[in-house]
Amino acid sequence: MTDESHSELEKVLRALENKKYRWRTIQGIAEEECMSAERVECVIHANKEKIVRSSLKSEKGETLYTTRRHYKQNASVCERIVASFKNRIA
């Protein structure tokens, strides 16, 4: 991993773990971290072991993401059980 891609990953993870939000859109991350939406999407897809995708969409129909750690910290026990059945969380 190059220094630039490591820095981009840190930015995306920081935005995903922003305590103001449970789930984030690619556009929201891009705006917060001054990155292109395309670059954010690449970082997310290259780091699927750290990032999870919600089975639900935003009000605008956008895909939602968070980190596995942020999800585990903020999801209720019931939500985690349902998610495990849906195979969203490892």
C-alpha atoms as a PDB file:
ATOM      1  CA  MET A   1       0.000   0.000   0.000  1.00  0.00           C
ATOM      2  CA  THR A   2       1.433   3.366  -0.976  1.00  0.00           C
ATOM      3  CA  ASP A   3       1.579   6.303   1.436  1.00  0.00           C
ATOM      4  CA  GLU A   4      -1.103   8.076  -0.604  1.00  0.00           C
ATOM      5  CA  SER A   5      -3.512   5.129  -0.560  1.00  0.00           C
ATOM      6  CA  HIS A   6      -2.868   4.616   3.172  1.00  0.00           C
ATOM      7  CA  SER A   7      -3.679   8.291   3.778  1.00  0.00           C
ATOM      8  CA  GLU A   8      -6.870   7.982   1.712  1.00  0.00           C
ATOM      9  CA  LEU A   9      -7.899   4.896   3.687  1.00  0.00           C
ATOM     10  CA  GLU A  10      -7.361   6.786   6.956  1.00  0.00           C
ATOM     11  CA  LYS A  11      -9.549   9.634   5.676  1.00  0.00           C
ATOM     12  CA  VAL A  12     -12.351   7.290   4.619  1.00  0.00           C
ATOM     13  CA  LEU A  13     -12.226   5.368   7.909  1.00  0.00           C
ATOM     14  CA  ARG A  14     -12.283   8.623   9.888  1.00  0.00           C
ATOM     15  CA  ALA A  15     -15.381   9.813   7.989  1.00  0.00           C
ATOM     16  CA  LEU A  16     -17.095   6.445   8.386  1.00  0.00           C
ATOM     17  CA  GLU A  17     -16.507   6.526  12.133  1.00  0.00           C
ATOM     18  CA  ASN A  18     -17.708  10.110  12.572  1.00  0.00           C
ATOM     19  CA  LYS A  19     -19.835   9.938  15.738  1.00  0.00           C
ATOM     20  CA  LYS A  20     -22.509  12.147  14.137  1.00  0.00           C
ATOM     21  CA  TYR A  21     -23.498   9.313  11.794  1.00  0.00           C
ATOM     22  CA  ARG A  22     -24.243   5.607  11.981  1.00  0.00           C
ATOM     23  CA  TRP A  23     -24.049   5.119   8.191  1.00  0.00           C
ATOM     24  CA  ARG A  24     -22.431   7.227   5.454  1.00  0.00           C
ATOM     25  CA  THR A  25     -22.858   7.685   1.724  1.00  0.00           C
ATOM     26  CA  ILE A  26     -19.940   7.847  -0.672  1.00  0.00           C
ATOM     27  CA  GLN A  27     -20.848  11.445  -1.475  1.00  0.00           C
ATOM     28  CA  GLY A  28     -20.956  12.383   2.219  1.00  0.00           C
ATOM     29  CA  ILE A  29     -17.517  10.894   2.797  1.00  0.00           C
ATOM     30  CA  ALA A  30     -16.139  12.604  -0.310  1.00  0.00           C
ATOM     31  CA  GLU A  31     -17.414  16.010   0.795  1.00  0.00           C
ATOM     32  CA  GLU A  32     -16.176  15.628   4.371  1.00  0.00           C
ATOM     33  CA  GLU A  33     -12.701  14.483   3.348  1.00  0.00           C
ATOM     34  CA  CYS A  34     -12.279  16.591   0.169  1.00  0.00           C
ATOM     35  CA  MET A  35     -11.896  13.540  -2.043  1.00  0.00           C
ATOM     36  CA  SER A  36     -13.604  12.565  -5.275  1.00  0.00           C
ATOM     37  CA  ALA A  37     -16.561  10.207  -4.951  1.00  0.00           C
ATOM     38  CA  GLU A  38     -14.821   7.853  -7.389  1.00  0.00           C
ATOM     39  CA  ARG A  39     -11.727   7.692  -5.176  1.00  0.00           C
ATOM     40  CA  VAL A  40     -13.811   7.064  -2.046  1.00  0.00           C
ATOM     41  CA  GLU A  41     -15.589   4.229  -3.835  1.00  0.00           C
ATOM     42  CA  CYS A  42     -12.257   2.669  -4.840  1.00  0.00           C
ATOM     43  CA  VAL A  43     -10.957   2.871  -1.261  1.00  0.00           C
ATOM     44  CA  ILE A  44     -14.150   1.282   0.085  1.00  0.00           C
ATOM     45  CA  HIS A  45     -14.064  -1.574  -2.414  1.00  0.00           C
ATOM     46  CA  ALA A  46     -10.365  -2.207  -1.767  1.00  0.00           C
ATOM     47  CA  ASN A  47     -10.954  -2.488   1.986  1.00  0.00           C
ATOM     48  CA  LYS A  48     -14.049  -4.652   2.314  1.00  0.00           C
ATOM     49  CA  GLU A  49     -12.564  -6.439   5.324  1.00  0.00           C
ATOM     50  CA  LYS A  50     -12.879  -3.188   7.331  1.00  0.00           C
ATOM     51  CA  ILE A  51     -16.030  -1.699   5.795  1.00  0.00           C
ATOM     52  CA  VAL A  52     -19.599  -2.971   5.641  1.00  0.00           C
ATOM     53  CA  ARG A  53     -22.498  -2.009   3.398  1.00  0.00           C
ATOM     54  CA  SER A  54     -25.989  -1.571   4.756  1.00  0.00           C
ATOM     55  CA  SER A  55     -28.790  -3.661   3.340  1.00  0.00           C
ATOM     56  CA  LEU A  56     -30.893  -0.479   3.414  1.00  0.00           C
ATOM     57  CA  LYS A  57     -30.446   2.602   1.221  1.00  0.00           C
ATOM     58  CA  SER A  58     -30.489   6.296   2.141  1.00  0.00           C
ATOM     59  CA  GLU A  59     -33.636   8.355   1.585  1.00  0.00           C
ATOM     60  CA  LYS A  60     -32.178   9.295  -1.812  1.00  0.00           C
ATOM     61  CA  GLY A  61     -31.496   5.648  -2.702  1.00  0.00           C
ATOM     62  CA  GLU A  62     -27.749   5.818  -2.095  1.00  0.00           C
ATOM     63  CA  THR A  63     -25.744   2.920  -0.702  1.00  0.00           C
ATOM     64  CA  LEU A  64     -24.715   3.319   2.938  1.00  0.00           C
ATOM     65  CA  TYR A  65     -21.438   2.246   4.546  1.00  0.00           C
ATOM     66  CA  THR A  66     -19.716   2.143   7.928  1.00  0.00           C
ATOM     67  CA  THR A  67     -16.733   0.375   9.435  1.00  0.00           C
ATOM     68  CA  ARG A  68     -17.141  -2.998  11.092  1.00  0.00           C
ATOM     69  CA  ARG A  69     -15.911  -1.485  14.359  1.00  0.00           C
ATOM     70  CA  HIS A  70     -18.332   1.478  14.196  1.00  0.00           C
ATOM     71  CA  TYR A  71     -21.194  -0.880  13.400  1.00  0.00           C
ATOM     72  CA  LYS A  72     -20.425  -3.130  16.360  1.00  0.00           C
ATOM     73  CA  GLN A  73     -20.176  -0.124  18.692  1.00  0.00           C
ATOM     74  CA  ASN A  74     -23.478   1.419  17.573  1.00  0.00           C
ATOM     75  CA  ALA A  75     -25.762  -1.446  16.595  1.00  0.00           C
ATOM     76  CA  SER A  76     -28.093  -3.007  19.108  1.00  0.00           C
ATOM     77  CA  VAL A  77     -27.818  -6.702  19.911  1.00  0.00           C
ATOM     78  CA  CYS A  78     -30.988  -7.308  17.898  1.00  0.00           C
ATOM     79  CA  GLU A  79     -29.563  -5.458  14.871  1.00  0.00           C
ATOM     80  CA  ARG A  80     -26.355  -7.496  15.041  1.00  0.00           C
ATOM     81  CA  ILE A  81     -28.264 -10.777  15.226  1.00  0.00           C
ATOM     82  CA  VAL A  82     -30.414  -9.855  12.228  1.00  0.00           C
ATOM     83  CA  ALA A  83     -27.303  -8.701  10.333  1.00  0.00           C
ATOM     84  CA  SER A  84     -25.530 -11.983  11.004  1.00  0.00           C
ATOM     85  CA  PHE A  85     -28.458 -13.835   9.471  1.00  0.00           C
ATOM     86  CA  LYS A  86     -28.291 -11.546   6.467  1.00  0.00           C
ATOM     87  CA  ASN A  87     -24.569 -12.295   6.186  1.00  0.00           C
ATOM     88  CA  ARG A  88     -23.609  -8.619   6.283  1.00  0.00           C
ATOM     89  CA  ILE A  89     -21.219  -8.913   9.200  1.00  0.00           C
ATOM     90  CA  ALA A  90     -18.523 -11.530   9.564  1.00  0.00           C
END
